[in-house]
Amino acid sequence: MDFAILNNRKRAIIALIHTVFFLSVAGVQLVISHAAPFSVRGQKAVREIVLLTVYLIVTTVLLVLLGFSRCAKERLYFALCAASATFGLVRILLGDPILHANVLRVLLLFGAAIIGVEILRTHSAMPGGEPTTGPSTESC
């Protein structure tokens, strides 16, 4: 396997935990939240600026990780996570009263969780959960 970032079982588990957590957050937001467009005025201005900053940082980090990933599964995993974060960012900026962006976030994170489980299974099948050295005959 030629994973650049999720190159061992421990990293795959940590990534999967993060994905499931953010999938849960997106699911709760889907049920209870109707986002208004971003505004620096009003009672929630500080909260919106903090949330916007967090989503901007997370989206940037995930796009950087996508750029460094090598294997197709790893690239797909980070692409799904980055797309979900990008939809979250767009949702904060433009609002989403009818929840299209949140439905897409849930679907993207669900897909990332499936890929994350597959990556974890790949590492669990390896001796010691660590990548082997030398050329691999399996496709990643």
C-alpha atoms as a PDB file:
ATOM      1  CA  MET A   1       0.000   0.000   0.000  1.00  0.00           C
ATOM      2  CA  ASP A   2       1.235   3.435  -0.835  1.00  0.00           C
ATOM      3  CA  PHE A   3      -0.602   5.607   1.679  1.00  0.00           C
ATOM      4  CA  ALA A   4       1.104   8.935   2.383  1.00  0.00           C
ATOM      5  CA  ILE A   5      -0.922  10.159   5.370  1.00  0.00           C
ATOM      6  CA  LEU A   6      -3.157   7.324   6.575  1.00  0.00           C
ATOM      7  CA  ASN A   7      -0.167   5.014   6.424  1.00  0.00           C
ATOM      8  CA  ASN A   8      -0.879   2.882   9.498  1.00  0.00           C
ATOM      9  CA  ARG A   9      -3.770   1.458  11.473  1.00  0.00           C
ATOM     10  CA  LYS A  10      -3.565   4.060  14.263  1.00  0.00           C
ATOM     11  CA  ARG A  11      -3.870   6.987  11.851  1.00  0.00           C
ATOM     12  CA  ALA A  12      -6.731   5.277  10.033  1.00  0.00           C
ATOM     13  CA  ILE A  13      -8.593   4.797  13.340  1.00  0.00           C
ATOM     14  CA  ILE A  14      -8.081   8.438  14.344  1.00  0.00           C
ATOM     15  CA  ALA A  15      -9.276   9.637  10.928  1.00  0.00           C
ATOM     16  CA  LEU A  16     -12.318   7.360  11.091  1.00  0.00           C
ATOM     17  CA  ILE A  17     -13.219   8.614  14.588  1.00  0.00           C
ATOM     18  CA  HIS A  18     -13.053  12.211  13.336  1.00  0.00           C
ATOM     19  CA  THR A  19     -15.189  11.350  10.324  1.00  0.00           C
ATOM     20  CA  VAL A  20     -17.876   9.629  12.400  1.00  0.00           C
ATOM     21  CA  PHE A  21     -17.891  12.528  14.877  1.00  0.00           C
ATOM     22  CA  PHE A  22     -18.336  15.145  12.145  1.00  0.00           C
ATOM     23  CA  LEU A  23     -20.912  12.952  10.413  1.00  0.00           C
ATOM     24  CA  SER A  24     -22.861  12.981  13.685  1.00  0.00           C
ATOM     25  CA  VAL A  25     -22.541  16.773  13.945  1.00  0.00           C
ATOM     26  CA  ALA A  26     -23.724  17.207  10.345  1.00  0.00           C
ATOM     27  CA  GLY A  27     -26.617  14.820  11.017  1.00  0.00           C
ATOM     28  CA  VAL A  28     -27.731  16.797  14.073  1.00  0.00           C
ATOM     29  CA  GLN A  29     -27.426  20.055  12.133  1.00  0.00           C
ATOM     30  CA  LEU A  30     -29.504  18.527   9.360  1.00  0.00           C
ATOM     31  CA  VAL A  31     -32.307  17.804  11.802  1.00  0.00           C
ATOM     32  CA  ILE A  32     -32.331  20.955  13.935  1.00  0.00           C
ATOM     33  CA  SER A  33     -30.515  23.776  12.138  1.00  0.00           C
ATOM     34  CA  HIS A  34     -31.663  26.223   9.504  1.00  0.00           C
ATOM     35  CA  ALA A  35     -28.647  28.398   8.738  1.00  0.00           C
ATOM     36  CA  ALA A  36     -29.053  32.079   7.993  1.00  0.00           C
ATOM     37  CA  PRO A  37     -26.530  33.845   5.747  1.00  0.00           C
ATOM     38  CA  PHE A  38     -23.323  35.149   7.356  1.00  0.00           C
ATOM     39  CA  SER A  39     -23.592  38.592   8.893  1.00  0.00           C
ATOM     40  CA  VAL A  40     -21.189  40.614  11.033  1.00  0.00           C
ATOM     41  CA  ARG A  41     -24.149  42.401  12.560  1.00  0.00           C
ATOM     42  CA  GLY A  42     -26.472  41.063  15.184  1.00  0.00           C
ATOM     43  CA  GLN A  43     -26.269  39.042  18.375  1.00  0.00           C
ATOM     44  CA  LYS A  44     -24.507  36.034  16.851  1.00  0.00           C
ATOM     45  CA  ALA A  45     -21.729  37.894  15.001  1.00  0.00           C
ATOM     46  CA  VAL A  46     -18.862  36.587  17.165  1.00  0.00           C
ATOM     47  CA  ARG A  47     -20.153  33.016  16.996  1.00  0.00           C
ATOM     48  CA  GLU A  48     -20.496  33.231  13.208  1.00  0.00           C
ATOM     49  CA  ILE A  49     -16.981  34.651  12.786  1.00  0.00           C
ATOM     50  CA  VAL A  50     -15.506  31.896  14.972  1.00  0.00           C
ATOM     51  CA  LEU A  51     -17.435  29.198  13.089  1.00  0.00           C
ATOM     52  CA  LEU A  52     -16.417  30.679   9.732  1.00  0.00           C
ATOM     53  CA  THR A  53     -12.763  30.737  10.830  1.00  0.00           C
ATOM     54  CA  VAL A  54     -12.910  27.112  12.017  1.00  0.00           C
ATOM     55  CA  TYR A  55     -14.485  25.915   8.751  1.00  0.00           C
ATOM     56  CA  LEU A  56     -11.945  27.907   6.729  1.00  0.00           C
ATOM     57  CA  ILE A  57      -9.028  26.334   8.631  1.00  0.00           C
ATOM     58  CA  VAL A  58     -10.484  22.804   8.445  1.00  0.00           C
ATOM     59  CA  THR A  59     -11.238  23.131   4.726  1.00  0.00           C
ATOM     60  CA  THR A  60      -7.716  24.413   4.039  1.00  0.00           C
ATOM     61  CA  VAL A  61      -6.074  21.615   6.051  1.00  0.00           C
ATOM     62  CA  LEU A  62      -8.162  18.944   4.312  1.00  0.00           C
ATOM     63  CA  LEU A  63      -7.288  20.358   0.884  1.00  0.00           C
ATOM     64  CA  VAL A  64      -3.588  20.310   1.814  1.00  0.00           C
ATOM     65  CA  LEU A  65      -3.921  16.691   2.990  1.00  0.00           C
ATOM     66  CA  LEU A  66      -5.669  15.874  -0.283  1.00  0.00           C
ATOM     67  CA  GLY A  67      -2.712  17.355  -2.134  1.00  0.00           C
ATOM     68  CA  PHE A  68      -0.223  15.210  -0.196  1.00  0.00           C
ATOM     69  CA  SER A  69      -2.183  11.954  -0.433  1.00  0.00           C
ATOM     70  CA  ARG A  70      -0.935   9.377  -2.949  1.00  0.00           C
ATOM     71  CA  CYS A  71      -3.208   6.357  -2.995  1.00  0.00           C
ATOM     72  CA  ALA A  72      -6.605   6.487  -4.754  1.00  0.00           C
ATOM     73  CA  LYS A  73      -8.508   5.428  -1.606  1.00  0.00           C
ATOM     74  CA  GLU A  74      -6.700   8.027   0.475  1.00  0.00           C
ATOM     75  CA  ARG A  75      -7.289  10.739  -2.129  1.00  0.00           C
ATOM     76  CA  LEU A  76     -10.989   9.851  -2.317  1.00  0.00           C
ATOM     77  CA  TYR A  77     -11.258   9.903   1.486  1.00  0.00           C
ATOM     78  CA  PHE A  78      -9.715  13.373   1.763  1.00  0.00           C
ATOM     79  CA  ALA A  79     -11.654  14.650  -1.269  1.00  0.00           C
ATOM     80  CA  LEU A  80     -14.960  13.641   0.368  1.00  0.00           C
ATOM     81  CA  CYS A  81     -13.959  15.199   3.699  1.00  0.00           C
ATOM     82  CA  ALA A  82     -12.740  18.407   2.021  1.00  0.00           C
ATOM     83  CA  ALA A  83     -15.925  18.662  -0.061  1.00  0.00           C
ATOM     84  CA  SER A  84     -18.029  18.262   3.068  1.00  0.00           C
ATOM     85  CA  ALA A  85     -16.066  20.978   4.864  1.00  0.00           C
ATOM     86  CA  THR A  86     -16.392  23.222   1.806  1.00  0.00           C
ATOM     87  CA  PHE A  87     -20.165  22.777   1.811  1.00  0.00           C
ATOM     88  CA  GLY A  88     -20.138  23.646   5.519  1.00  0.00           C
ATOM     89  CA  LEU A  89     -18.194  26.801   4.711  1.00  0.00           C
ATOM     90  CA  VAL A  90     -20.607  27.732   1.919  1.00  0.00           C
ATOM     91  CA  ARG A  91     -23.527  27.027   4.247  1.00  0.00           C
ATOM     92  CA  ILE A  92     -22.133  29.479   6.803  1.00  0.00           C
ATOM     93  CA  LEU A  93     -21.516  32.173   4.192  1.00  0.00           C
ATOM     94  CA  LEU A  94     -24.727  31.903   2.179  1.00  0.00           C
ATOM     95  CA  GLY A  95     -27.094  30.256   4.624  1.00  0.00           C
ATOM     96  CA  ASP A  96     -29.143  27.181   3.920  1.00  0.00           C
ATOM     97  CA  PRO A  97     -32.781  27.562   4.915  1.00  0.00           C
ATOM     98  CA  ILE A  98     -33.829  24.460   2.991  1.00  0.00           C
ATOM     99  CA  LEU A  99     -30.764  22.373   3.973  1.00  0.00           C
ATOM    100  CA  HIS A 100     -29.355  21.330   0.586  1.00  0.00           C
ATOM    101  CA  ALA A 101     -25.759  21.882   1.735  1.00  0.00           C
ATOM    102  CA  ASN A 102     -26.295  19.909   4.936  1.00  0.00           C
ATOM    103  CA  VAL A 103     -27.779  16.928   3.104  1.00  0.00           C
ATOM    104  CA  LEU A 104     -24.728  16.925   0.831  1.00  0.00           C
ATOM    105  CA  ARG A 105     -22.412  17.192   3.861  1.00  0.00           C
ATOM    106  CA  VAL A 106     -24.042  14.134   5.444  1.00  0.00           C
ATOM    107  CA  LEU A 107     -23.798  12.146   2.211  1.00  0.00           C
ATOM    108  CA  LEU A 108     -20.166  13.128   1.630  1.00  0.00           C
ATOM    109  CA  LEU A 109     -19.172  12.253   5.200  1.00  0.00           C
ATOM    110  CA  PHE A 110     -21.052   8.965   4.998  1.00  0.00           C
ATOM    111  CA  GLY A 111     -19.040   8.127   1.871  1.00  0.00           C
ATOM    112  CA  ALA A 112     -15.822   9.170   3.640  1.00  0.00           C
ATOM    113  CA  ALA A 113     -16.709   6.901   6.572  1.00  0.00           C
ATOM    114  CA  ILE A 114     -17.168   3.954   4.198  1.00  0.00           C
ATOM    115  CA  ILE A 115     -13.793   4.660   2.570  1.00  0.00           C
ATOM    116  CA  GLY A 116     -12.244   5.124   6.029  1.00  0.00           C
ATOM    117  CA  VAL A 117     -13.489   1.693   7.105  1.00  0.00           C
ATOM    118  CA  GLU A 118     -12.010   0.206   3.926  1.00  0.00           C
ATOM    119  CA  ILE A 119      -8.647   1.881   4.629  1.00  0.00           C
ATOM    120  CA  LEU A 120      -8.752   0.566   8.199  1.00  0.00           C
ATOM    121  CA  ARG A 121      -9.546  -2.935   6.924  1.00  0.00           C
ATOM    122  CA  THR A 122      -6.579  -2.662   4.559  1.00  0.00           C
ATOM    123  CA  HIS A 123      -4.246  -1.847   7.452  1.00  0.00           C
ATOM    124  CA  SER A 124      -5.813  -4.480   9.702  1.00  0.00           C
ATOM    125  CA  ALA A 125      -5.055  -7.130   7.070  1.00  0.00           C
ATOM    126  CA  MET A 126      -1.359  -6.180   7.117  1.00  0.00           C
ATOM    127  CA  PRO A 127       0.972  -7.818   9.637  1.00  0.00           C
ATOM    128  CA  GLY A 128       1.130  -5.483  12.643  1.00  0.00           C
ATOM    129  CA  GLY A 129      -1.174  -2.965  10.958  1.00  0.00           C
ATOM    130  CA  GLU A 130       1.877  -1.259   9.469  1.00  0.00           C
ATOM    131  CA  PRO A 131       2.714  -0.790   5.794  1.00  0.00           C
ATOM    132  CA  THR A 132       5.101  -3.271   4.317  1.00  0.00           C
ATOM    133  CA  THR A 133       8.309  -2.174   2.667  1.00  0.00           C
ATOM    134  CA  GLY A 134       8.968  -2.858  -0.953  1.00  0.00           C
ATOM    135  CA  PRO A 135       6.632  -2.936  -3.912  1.00  0.00           C
ATOM    136  CA  SER A 136       3.061  -3.905  -3.234  1.00  0.00           C
ATOM    137  CA  THR A 137       1.073  -6.218  -5.444  1.00  0.00           C
ATOM    138  CA  GLU A 138      -2.266  -4.949  -4.119  1.00  0.00           C
ATOM    139  CA  SER A 139      -3.992  -1.862  -5.423  1.00  0.00           C
ATOM    140  CA  CYS A 140      -4.551   0.867  -2.892  1.00  0.00           C
END
